Amino acid sequence: MESIFLNNLADIVSGYAIPSKDMQEEGTPIIKITNIKEDGFLDLDNTAKYSKPISKKLEKYLLRDKDVLVCMTGATIGKIARKQIVNGDFLVNQRVAIIRAKKPKLQDFIYYALSLPSFRKYTEVVGYGAAQPNISSSSIGKYNFLSVSNERVQHRIASILSTYDSLIENNTKRISLLEKMAENLYKEWFVRFRFPGHENVEMENGLPKGWKYYRIEDLCDINRETIKIANAPKDILYLDTGSVTRGKISDVESLTFADAPSRARRIVRNDSIIYSTVRPNLQHYGILKNPPSNLLVSTGFAVLDCKEEIANIVYLALSHPSVYRYCSLIADCAVATYPSIKPKEIGRIYIALPKMSVCKRWNEKIESYYKMINKLQQQNSLLARQRDLLLPRLMSGKLEVKKELLE
């Protein structure tokens, strides 16, 4: 065991300072701090664009396979993410550091070294000396950690941990595929109106005959129940608005109710739809399938509970890009400290539906997709916990890598 400095193993490159005038709607996608999520997920779907051609001097700022990215500024300082395989060009913006191993075979080992809790703590200690937390690339390079120095052992440690991440990644791909199948089926039936037998149905006022518009508030109870202090359980699970993005939950906190933030008050149940009223452009929404009985969510969410068994339809309707754009437009016009909307404004959104009996049949059909998604998410949570238990023990040498595994 020895103390290893990161800059002895890797090069640290600060992202490119892109002038705001060069950020447009078309061009090369830009990776900012906001694209790095809490669970190591790199969101490449919602990016600004660099409008100019990529010159030779900018090539070092393009994301490569397995690059480790580190947030250098703000409340998320020290947060990391990576992409195993990069398809296309992505330009890394300033205040995001790129970590690249001097020896490519150790890139995975470096990722896991930076996944240790000690790295996040180090960046916070170094970075919180000013009003705005900030850490330089040179300071990141000075991070040191205790681990084995043998490169073969380092490579094997990374290989063991990568097995878990590969399984998680495969499950995540399956989840994405199932979500896309549900979205496409919803669009086919409820947006394009190409449902079974549509050829024989007349259109009236832009809708198939027998269909009509419903407001969300007519279909759902909004913020039906808030927990009372007298009835609160001793221990709770808490979901904040920033911990769910487009149906993906990245973090659930385990707390005593006494230590929980005052906004931990909304009660949820099976098929509750949660939609953040704060900064709706960030798309913090999701649907909860069989949540734990002690789960509470932030009062920053509007919690929607459907009056009929059509939650999957309502959720997919609210997931449509036109909805968050509509909510963002309202939020930007709000007289408030930050962009926000009122739950009643979500309630005023209209969606077109056929008879409830037809909706329920379709909802039941799509439920099988969400049951499988929920099962895969549970598997991923278990795999992540097992990996996180192994990580510090392998890195510190407390759990020894057997010699025969090095052959």
Protein backbone atom coordinates (compact mmCIF):
# COMPACT_ATOMS: atom_id res chain seq x y z
CA MET A 1 0.00 0.00 0.00
CA GLU A 2 1.17 3.51 -0.75
CA SER A 3 -0.14 7.03 -1.16
CA ILE A 4 -0.81 7.71 -4.84
CA PHE A 5 -1.17 11.20 -6.32
CA LEU A 6 -3.65 11.47 -9.17
CA ASN A 7 -1.35 13.61 -11.34
CA ASN A 8 1.18 10.77 -11.36
CA LEU A 9 -1.37 8.53 -13.06
CA ALA A 10 -3.37 10.94 -15.19
CA ASP A 11 -3.45 14.19 -17.12
CA ILE A 12 -6.08 16.71 -16.00
CA VAL A 13 -7.49 19.03 -18.67
CA SER A 14 -9.88 21.88 -17.87
CA GLY A 15 -12.70 22.24 -20.38
CA TYR A 16 -12.76 24.89 -23.08
CA ALA A 17 -14.06 28.39 -22.26
CA ILE A 18 -16.79 28.71 -24.87
CA PRO A 19 -18.00 32.28 -25.55
CA SER A 20 -21.74 32.56 -24.94
CA LYS A 21 -22.23 34.00 -28.45
CA ASP A 22 -21.01 30.69 -29.88
CA MET A 23 -23.67 28.66 -28.02
CA GLN A 24 -26.54 28.16 -30.44
CA GLU A 25 -29.27 25.63 -31.23
CA GLU A 26 -27.22 23.87 -33.91
CA GLY A 27 -23.68 22.55 -33.83
CA THR A 28 -21.49 20.34 -31.63
CA PRO A 29 -23.15 19.36 -28.32
CA ILE A 30 -21.56 20.98 -25.24
CA ILE A 31 -21.07 19.14 -21.94
CA LYS A 32 -21.62 21.43 -18.96
CA ILE A 33 -21.72 20.84 -15.22
CA THR A 34 -25.49 20.38 -15.45
CA ASN A 35 -25.00 17.35 -17.71
CA ILE A 36 -23.18 15.47 -14.93
CA LYS A 37 -25.75 13.75 -12.73
CA GLU A 38 -25.45 12.56 -9.13
CA ASP A 39 -25.15 8.83 -9.86
CA GLY A 40 -22.32 9.12 -12.40
CA PHE A 41 -24.77 9.33 -15.28
CA LEU A 42 -23.76 11.65 -18.13
CA ASP A 43 -26.81 13.26 -19.71
CA LEU A 44 -26.04 13.86 -23.38
CA ASP A 45 -29.65 14.46 -24.45
CA ASN A 46 -30.03 18.03 -23.18
CA THR A 47 -27.09 20.07 -24.39
CA ALA A 48 -26.33 23.51 -25.72
CA LYS A 49 -24.49 23.55 -29.08
CA TYR A 50 -21.16 25.03 -30.20
CA SER A 51 -21.90 26.71 -33.51
CA LYS A 52 -18.39 26.88 -34.98
CA PRO A 53 -16.36 24.10 -36.63
CA ILE A 54 -14.04 22.14 -34.31
CA SER A 55 -10.50 23.40 -34.92
CA LYS A 56 -7.33 21.43 -34.30
CA LYS A 57 -6.66 23.20 -31.00
CA LEU A 58 -10.09 22.20 -29.69
CA GLU A 59 -9.71 18.49 -30.34
CA LYS A 60 -8.27 17.83 -26.86
CA TYR A 61 -11.55 19.12 -25.40
CA LEU A 62 -13.64 16.56 -27.28
CA LEU A 63 -15.01 13.74 -25.12
CA ARG A 64 -13.27 10.39 -25.64
CA ASP A 65 -14.24 6.87 -24.65
CA LYS A 66 -14.00 6.38 -20.86
CA ASP A 67 -12.97 9.99 -20.12
CA VAL A 68 -13.71 10.82 -16.47
CA LEU A 69 -15.39 14.20 -16.05
CA VAL A 70 -15.29 16.18 -12.81
CA CYS A 71 -17.41 19.18 -11.77
CA MET A 72 -15.07 22.00 -10.72
CA THR A 73 -17.53 24.63 -9.49
CA GLY A 74 -20.67 25.09 -7.40
CA ALA A 75 -22.66 22.85 -5.10
CA THR A 76 -21.86 19.82 -7.26
CA ILE A 77 -18.09 20.24 -6.97
CA GLY A 78 -16.31 16.88 -7.13
CA LYS A 79 -19.17 15.05 -8.82
CA ILE A 80 -17.92 12.68 -11.53
CA ALA A 81 -19.29 10.89 -14.60
CA ARG A 82 -18.04 9.01 -17.61
CA LYS A 83 -19.22 7.53 -20.89
CA GLN A 84 -17.84 4.12 -21.83
CA ILE A 85 -18.34 4.56 -25.56
CA VAL A 86 -18.79 7.99 -27.15
CA ASN A 87 -20.73 8.20 -30.39
CA GLY A 88 -20.13 11.51 -32.11
CA ASP A 89 -18.43 14.73 -31.00
CA PHE A 90 -19.11 16.39 -27.63
CA LEU A 91 -17.20 19.49 -26.54
CA VAL A 92 -16.37 19.74 -22.83
CA ASN A 93 -17.04 23.19 -21.40
CA GLN A 94 -14.99 25.11 -18.85
CA ARG A 95 -15.41 24.22 -15.16
CA VAL A 96 -15.56 20.57 -16.16
CA ALA A 97 -12.25 18.74 -15.85
CA ILE A 98 -11.28 15.84 -18.11
CA ILE A 99 -9.21 13.08 -16.46
CA ARG A 100 -7.21 10.87 -18.82
CA ALA A 101 -4.85 8.12 -17.71
CA LYS A 102 -1.24 8.40 -18.83
CA LYS A 103 -1.49 4.64 -19.41
CA PRO A 104 -4.87 3.89 -21.08
CA LYS A 105 -5.19 0.47 -19.41
CA LEU A 106 -5.48 2.27 -16.04
CA GLN A 107 -8.36 4.53 -17.09
CA ASP A 108 -10.93 2.34 -15.31
CA PHE A 109 -8.80 2.21 -12.15
CA ILE A 110 -8.65 6.01 -12.10
CA TYR A 111 -12.43 6.22 -12.47
CA TYR A 112 -12.89 4.01 -9.40
CA ALA A 113 -10.25 5.93 -7.45
CA LEU A 114 -12.26 9.10 -8.06
CA SER A 115 -15.45 7.25 -7.09
CA LEU A 116 -14.16 6.92 -3.54
CA PRO A 117 -16.00 9.18 -1.05
CA SER A 118 -12.62 10.65 -0.09
CA PHE A 119 -12.32 12.37 -3.50
CA ARG A 120 -15.62 14.24 -3.15
CA LYS A 121 -14.64 15.26 0.39
CA TYR A 122 -11.22 16.43 -0.84
CA THR A 123 -12.72 18.66 -3.54
CA GLU A 124 -15.16 20.15 -1.04
CA VAL A 125 -12.42 20.92 1.50
CA VAL A 126 -10.21 22.52 -1.15
CA GLY A 127 -13.00 24.23 -3.05
CA TYR A 128 -15.11 25.74 -0.28
CA GLY A 129 -12.61 28.44 0.65
CA ALA A 130 -14.59 31.04 -1.33
CA ALA A 131 -18.21 32.13 -1.66
CA GLN A 132 -18.51 30.07 -4.85
CA PRO A 133 -16.96 26.59 -4.40
CA ASN A 134 -14.21 26.14 -6.95
CA ILE A 135 -11.28 23.80 -7.55
CA SER A 136 -8.52 24.07 -10.15
CA SER A 137 -7.20 21.29 -12.35
CA SER A 138 -3.84 21.43 -10.54
CA SER A 139 -5.58 20.95 -7.18
CA ILE A 140 -7.48 17.97 -8.58
CA GLY A 141 -4.13 16.51 -9.62
CA LYS A 142 -2.88 16.77 -6.02
CA TYR A 143 -5.58 14.42 -4.73
CA ASN A 144 -3.92 11.38 -3.18
CA PHE A 145 -5.35 8.08 -2.00
CA LEU A 146 -4.08 4.87 -0.43
CA SER A 147 -4.02 1.90 -2.74
CA VAL A 148 -1.86 -0.84 -4.17
CA SER A 149 0.91 0.34 -6.51
CA ASN A 150 1.13 -2.84 -8.59
CA GLU A 151 -0.37 -2.06 -12.00
CA ARG A 152 -1.56 -5.63 -12.56
CA VAL A 153 -3.48 -5.51 -9.29
CA GLN A 154 -4.85 -2.05 -10.14
CA HIS A 155 -6.05 -3.35 -13.48
CA ARG A 156 -7.66 -6.40 -11.85
CA ILE A 157 -9.43 -4.24 -9.24
CA ALA A 158 -10.91 -2.13 -12.02
CA SER A 159 -11.92 -5.28 -13.91
CA ILE A 160 -13.81 -6.67 -10.90
CA LEU A 161 -15.68 -3.41 -10.33
CA SER A 162 -16.33 -2.97 -14.06
CA THR A 163 -18.24 -6.26 -14.07
CA TYR A 164 -20.89 -4.66 -11.89
CA ASP A 165 -21.00 -1.51 -14.00
CA SER A 166 -21.32 -3.55 -17.20
CA LEU A 167 -24.37 -5.34 -15.78
CA ILE A 168 -25.83 -2.00 -14.69
CA GLU A 169 -25.18 -0.53 -18.13
CA ASN A 170 -26.86 -3.48 -19.88
CA ASN A 171 -29.91 -3.14 -17.62
CA THR A 172 -29.96 0.61 -18.26
CA LYS A 173 -30.00 0.01 -22.02
CA ARG A 174 -32.92 -2.38 -21.59
CA ILE A 175 -34.74 0.22 -19.49
CA SER A 176 -34.18 2.86 -22.17
CA LEU A 177 -35.51 0.49 -24.83
CA LEU A 178 -38.65 -0.29 -22.81
CA GLU A 179 -39.23 3.41 -22.12
CA LYS A 180 -38.86 4.19 -25.81
CA MET A 181 -41.32 1.41 -26.69
CA ALA A 182 -43.88 2.85 -24.26
CA GLU A 183 -43.32 6.39 -25.58
CA ASN A 184 -43.67 5.29 -29.21
CA LEU A 185 -46.83 3.34 -28.51
CA TYR A 186 -48.31 6.32 -26.68
CA LYS A 187 -47.47 8.68 -29.57
CA GLU A 188 -48.91 6.24 -32.09
CA TRP A 189 -52.24 5.96 -30.27
CA PHE A 190 -52.70 9.31 -28.52
CA VAL A 191 -50.75 11.82 -30.61
CA ARG A 192 -50.92 10.48 -34.19
CA PHE A 193 -54.29 8.72 -33.52
CA ARG A 194 -53.11 5.57 -35.32
CA PHE A 195 -54.72 3.18 -32.84
CA PRO A 196 -56.10 -0.25 -33.91
CA GLY A 197 -59.09 0.34 -36.17
CA HIS A 198 -58.40 4.04 -36.68
CA GLU A 199 -59.05 3.65 -40.42
CA ASN A 200 -62.74 3.18 -39.69
CA VAL A 201 -63.12 6.11 -37.27
CA GLU A 202 -64.20 9.54 -38.46
CA MET A 203 -62.44 12.71 -37.31
CA GLU A 204 -64.43 15.48 -35.63
CA ASN A 205 -62.85 18.84 -34.78
CA GLY A 206 -59.36 17.38 -35.04
CA LEU A 207 -60.08 14.34 -32.83
CA PRO A 208 -61.28 10.81 -33.59
CA LYS A 209 -65.01 10.50 -33.03
CA GLY A 210 -65.73 9.61 -29.40
CA TRP A 211 -62.54 11.24 -28.10
CA LYS A 212 -62.47 14.43 -26.07
CA TYR A 213 -60.08 16.69 -24.19
CA TYR A 214 -59.60 16.31 -20.44
CA ARG A 215 -57.78 18.61 -18.08
CA ILE A 216 -55.18 16.97 -15.84
CA GLU A 217 -57.01 18.30 -12.78
CA ASP A 218 -60.15 16.44 -13.92
CA LEU A 219 -58.20 13.19 -14.21
CA CYS A 220 -55.99 13.50 -11.13
CA ASP A 221 -55.97 14.59 -7.51
CA ILE A 222 -53.09 17.04 -7.12
CA ASN A 223 -51.15 17.05 -3.82
CA ARG A 224 -53.82 14.88 -2.26
CA GLU A 225 -52.04 14.28 1.02
CA THR A 226 -49.31 15.88 3.11
CA ILE A 227 -47.93 14.10 6.14
CA LYS A 228 -48.69 15.46 9.59
CA ILE A 229 -45.86 15.63 12.10
CA ALA A 230 -47.93 13.68 14.63
CA ASN A 231 -48.36 10.79 12.16
CA ALA A 232 -44.85 10.77 10.71
CA PRO A 233 -42.76 7.58 10.96
CA LYS A 234 -39.48 7.75 12.83
CA ASP A 235 -37.42 6.81 9.76
CA ILE A 236 -38.18 7.92 6.23
CA LEU A 237 -36.86 7.75 2.70
CA TYR A 238 -36.75 11.16 1.04
CA LEU A 239 -36.78 12.06 -2.65
CA ASP A 240 -35.82 15.64 -3.57
CA THR A 241 -36.65 17.33 -6.87
CA GLY A 242 -33.07 17.17 -8.17
CA SER A 243 -32.88 13.40 -7.64
CA VAL A 244 -35.23 12.40 -10.45
CA THR A 245 -34.86 13.36 -14.12
CA ARG A 246 -37.16 12.12 -16.89
CA GLY A 247 -38.23 9.12 -14.83
CA LYS A 248 -34.74 8.17 -13.64
CA ILE A 249 -34.22 8.33 -9.87
CA SER A 250 -30.58 8.91 -8.98
CA ASP A 251 -30.69 9.21 -5.20
CA VAL A 252 -33.06 8.52 -2.30
CA GLU A 253 -31.94 9.70 1.15
CA SER A 254 -32.48 7.61 4.27
CA LEU A 255 -33.20 9.96 7.21
CA THR A 256 -34.99 10.22 10.50
CA PHE A 257 -38.07 12.40 10.14
CA ALA A 258 -36.63 14.72 12.80
CA ASP A 259 -33.54 15.35 10.65
CA ALA A 260 -35.39 15.60 7.34
CA PRO A 261 -35.81 18.96 5.60
CA SER A 262 -39.12 20.72 6.18
CA ARG A 263 -40.06 20.16 2.52
CA ALA A 264 -40.12 16.35 3.06
CA ARG A 265 -43.92 16.26 3.37
CA ARG A 266 -45.64 14.91 0.25
CA ILE A 267 -47.11 11.41 0.58
CA VAL A 268 -46.94 9.16 -2.49
CA ARG A 269 -48.38 5.78 -3.41
CA ASN A 270 -48.28 3.33 -6.30
CA ASP A 271 -48.57 5.12 -9.65
CA SER A 272 -48.11 8.58 -8.16
CA ILE A 273 -46.76 10.95 -10.81
CA ILE A 274 -44.31 13.53 -9.48
CA TYR A 275 -43.57 16.70 -11.45
CA SER A 276 -41.20 19.37 -10.15
CA THR A 277 -42.70 22.85 -10.05
CA VAL A 278 -39.22 24.37 -9.74
CA ARG A 279 -37.22 25.03 -12.92
CA PRO A 280 -39.39 22.74 -15.10
CA ASN A 281 -36.88 23.06 -17.95
CA LEU A 282 -34.71 20.57 -16.02
CA GLN A 283 -37.42 17.90 -16.45
CA HIS A 284 -37.47 16.58 -12.90
CA TYR A 285 -40.45 14.24 -13.17
CA GLY A 286 -41.24 10.55 -12.85
CA ILE A 287 -43.80 7.88 -12.00
CA LEU A 288 -43.47 5.79 -8.84
CA LYS A 289 -44.18 2.09 -9.00
CA ASN A 290 -44.76 0.39 -5.62
CA PRO A 291 -42.76 2.94 -3.59
CA PRO A 292 -41.80 2.10 0.03
CA SER A 293 -44.52 3.06 2.51
CA ASN A 294 -42.16 5.50 4.29
CA LEU A 295 -41.14 7.38 1.12
CA LEU A 296 -41.82 11.12 1.25
CA VAL A 297 -41.12 13.52 -1.60
CA SER A 298 -40.38 17.23 -1.64
CA THR A 299 -43.11 19.84 -1.58
CA GLY A 300 -41.32 21.12 -4.69
CA PHE A 301 -43.16 18.34 -6.54
CA ALA A 302 -46.74 18.40 -7.67
CA VAL A 303 -47.95 14.89 -6.81
CA LEU A 304 -50.63 13.62 -9.19
CA ASP A 305 -52.77 10.59 -8.29
CA CYS A 306 -55.10 9.46 -11.06
CA LYS A 307 -58.77 8.95 -10.23
CA GLU A 308 -58.95 6.12 -12.79
CA GLU A 309 -56.37 3.46 -13.64
CA ILE A 310 -54.73 5.49 -16.41
CA ALA A 311 -51.54 6.69 -14.68
CA ASN A 312 -49.24 5.42 -17.43
CA ILE A 313 -51.14 7.41 -20.06
CA VAL A 314 -51.13 10.61 -17.99
CA TYR A 315 -47.41 10.16 -17.21
CA LEU A 316 -46.48 9.73 -20.87
CA ALA A 317 -48.62 12.74 -21.78
CA LEU A 318 -46.76 14.87 -19.22
CA SER A 319 -43.45 13.49 -20.51
CA HIS A 320 -44.06 14.96 -23.96
CA PRO A 321 -41.55 17.75 -24.80
CA SER A 322 -44.39 20.21 -25.44
CA VAL A 323 -45.40 19.99 -21.77
CA TYR A 324 -42.06 20.95 -20.22
CA ARG A 325 -41.68 23.71 -22.81
CA TYR A 326 -45.13 25.03 -21.85
CA CYS A 327 -44.26 24.81 -18.13
CA SER A 328 -40.88 26.47 -18.73
CA LEU A 329 -42.53 29.37 -20.54
CA ILE A 330 -44.87 29.96 -17.60
CA ALA A 331 -42.02 29.57 -15.10
CA ASP A 332 -39.84 32.12 -16.89
CA CYS A 333 -42.64 34.67 -16.59
CA ALA A 334 -43.24 33.98 -12.90
CA VAL A 335 -42.61 36.68 -10.34
CA ALA A 336 -40.36 34.60 -8.07
CA THR A 337 -36.78 34.18 -6.94
CA TYR A 338 -36.32 31.37 -9.48
CA PRO A 339 -38.39 30.01 -12.39
CA SER A 340 -41.34 28.04 -11.03
CA ILE A 341 -44.92 27.09 -11.73
CA LYS A 342 -47.93 26.42 -9.51
CA PRO A 343 -49.41 22.90 -9.28
CA LYS A 344 -52.72 24.26 -10.59
CA GLU A 345 -50.95 25.27 -13.82
CA ILE A 346 -50.05 21.62 -14.39
CA GLY A 347 -53.69 20.81 -13.66
CA ARG A 348 -54.82 23.06 -16.51
CA ILE A 349 -52.95 21.05 -19.15
CA TYR A 350 -55.27 19.29 -21.61
CA ILE A 351 -54.82 15.81 -23.09
CA ALA A 352 -56.98 14.01 -25.66
CA LEU A 353 -58.38 10.61 -24.64
CA PRO A 354 -60.92 8.06 -25.87
CA LYS A 355 -63.48 6.42 -23.58
CA MET A 356 -62.12 5.44 -20.15
CA SER A 357 -62.70 1.74 -20.86
CA VAL A 358 -60.32 1.99 -23.84
CA CYS A 359 -57.78 3.98 -21.79
CA LYS A 360 -57.78 1.36 -19.05
CA ARG A 361 -57.11 -1.45 -21.54
CA TRP A 362 -54.21 0.48 -23.05
CA ASN A 363 -52.89 1.38 -19.58
CA GLU A 364 -52.92 -2.28 -18.61
CA LYS A 365 -51.09 -3.19 -21.82
CA ILE A 366 -48.28 -0.73 -21.12
CA GLU A 367 -48.07 -1.70 -17.43
CA SER A 368 -46.02 -4.80 -18.35
CA TYR A 369 -43.30 -2.49 -19.68
CA TYR A 370 -43.17 -0.53 -16.44
CA LYS A 371 -43.14 -3.69 -14.31
CA MET A 372 -40.06 -4.83 -16.18
CA ILE A 373 -38.49 -1.37 -15.89
CA ASN A 374 -39.10 -1.42 -12.14
CA LYS A 375 -37.54 -4.89 -11.85
CA LEU A 376 -34.43 -3.81 -13.77
CA GLN A 377 -34.12 -0.64 -11.65
CA GLN A 378 -34.22 -2.76 -8.49
CA GLN A 379 -31.50 -5.01 -9.91
CA ASN A 380 -29.37 -1.95 -10.68
CA SER A 381 -29.81 -0.63 -7.14
CA LEU A 382 -28.65 -3.95 -5.72
CA LEU A 383 -25.67 -4.15 -8.09
CA ALA A 384 -24.66 -0.57 -7.25
CA ARG A 385 -24.79 -1.28 -3.50
CA GLN A 386 -22.64 -4.41 -3.93
CA ARG A 387 -20.13 -2.48 -6.06
CA ASP A 388 -19.97 0.38 -3.58
CA LEU A 389 -19.30 -2.04 -0.73
CA LEU A 390 -16.44 -3.64 -2.65
CA LEU A 391 -14.91 -0.37 -3.90
CA PRO A 392 -13.19 0.91 -0.71
CA ARG A 393 -12.17 -2.58 0.40
CA LEU A 394 -10.50 -3.41 -2.90
CA MET A 395 -8.86 0.00 -3.27
CA SER A 396 -7.46 -0.05 0.27
CA GLY A 397 -6.23 -3.64 0.04
CA LYS A 398 -8.51 -4.84 2.87
CA LEU A 399 -9.96 -7.26 0.33
CA GLU A 400 -7.00 -8.87 -1.40
CA VAL A 401 -7.04 -9.79 -5.07
CA LYS A 402 -6.03 -13.44 -5.31
CA LYS A 403 -2.84 -14.16 -7.21
CA GLU A 404 -4.52 -16.65 -9.54
CA LEU A 405 -6.80 -13.85 -10.73
CA LEU A 406 -3.74 -11.95 -11.94
CA GLU A 407 -2.63 -14.70 -14.28
